[in-house]
Amino acid sequence: MAGKKGFSPNVYKYYKIEGEKATRLRKICSRCGKGVFMSEHKDRHTCGKCSLTEFNQ
């Protein structure tokens, strides 16, 4: 049998937890929907799943 997967602490990069509330720190992809976050670059936001790119103005 495979070993039990542990909890990834990388989830804390996407949410900010304040008491009872959790707020998102990154944009959600408008094409893929909820659950898919866009990566933040210097001049753009990019979705790793569908390759949607939104440039900052």
Protein backbone atom coordinates (compact mmCIF):
# COMPACT_ATOMS: atom_id res chain seq x y z
CA MET A 1 0.00 0.00 0.00
CA ALA A 2 1.03 3.54 -0.56
CA GLY A 3 1.91 5.75 2.37
CA LYS A 4 -0.53 8.26 3.78
CA LYS A 5 -0.25 11.69 2.24
CA GLY A 6 0.43 14.50 4.65
CA PHE A 7 -1.05 17.99 4.75
CA SER A 8 0.75 20.50 2.54
CA PRO A 9 1.57 23.78 4.29
CA ASN A 10 1.61 25.52 0.87
CA VAL A 11 -2.15 26.11 1.18
CA TYR A 12 -1.33 29.03 3.49
CA LYS A 13 0.09 30.93 0.48
CA TYR A 14 -3.40 31.22 -1.01
CA TYR A 15 -5.45 32.24 2.06
CA LYS A 16 -5.07 34.68 4.94
CA ILE A 17 -6.70 33.46 8.13
CA GLU A 18 -7.91 36.04 10.64
CA GLY A 19 -9.78 34.52 13.55
CA GLU A 20 -12.85 32.83 12.04
CA LYS A 21 -12.46 34.35 8.54
CA ALA A 22 -10.36 33.17 5.61
CA THR A 23 -9.72 35.60 2.74
CA ARG A 24 -8.17 34.77 -0.62
CA LEU A 25 -4.82 36.36 -1.41
CA ARG A 26 -4.71 35.52 -5.13
CA LYS A 27 -7.08 36.01 -8.05
CA ILE A 28 -9.36 33.21 -9.22
CA CYS A 29 -9.24 32.26 -12.90
CA SER A 30 -12.33 33.61 -14.68
CA ARG A 31 -12.23 30.82 -17.28
CA CYS A 32 -11.66 27.81 -14.97
CA GLY A 33 -13.80 28.99 -12.07
CA LYS A 34 -13.55 28.50 -8.33
CA GLY A 35 -10.65 26.50 -6.96
CA VAL A 36 -8.10 27.54 -9.60
CA PHE A 37 -5.83 30.39 -8.57
CA MET A 38 -3.78 32.57 -10.89
CA SER A 39 -0.06 33.02 -10.31
CA GLU A 40 1.25 36.53 -9.70
CA HIS A 41 4.07 37.83 -11.86
CA LYS A 42 5.64 41.26 -12.07
CA ASP A 43 3.42 42.47 -14.92
CA ARG A 44 0.67 39.84 -15.26
CA HIS A 45 -1.52 37.13 -13.68
CA THR A 46 -1.40 33.68 -15.31
CA CYS A 47 -3.51 30.55 -14.92
CA GLY A 48 -1.45 27.35 -14.87
CA LYS A 49 -4.38 25.19 -15.94
CA CYS A 50 -5.77 26.97 -19.02
CA SER A 51 -2.91 29.46 -19.73
CA LEU A 52 -5.16 32.52 -19.42
CA THR A 53 -3.01 35.65 -19.00
CA GLU A 54 -4.23 39.01 -17.69
CA PHE A 55 -1.77 41.89 -17.97
CA ASN A 56 -1.57 44.68 -15.39
CA GLN A 57 -2.04 48.19 -16.68
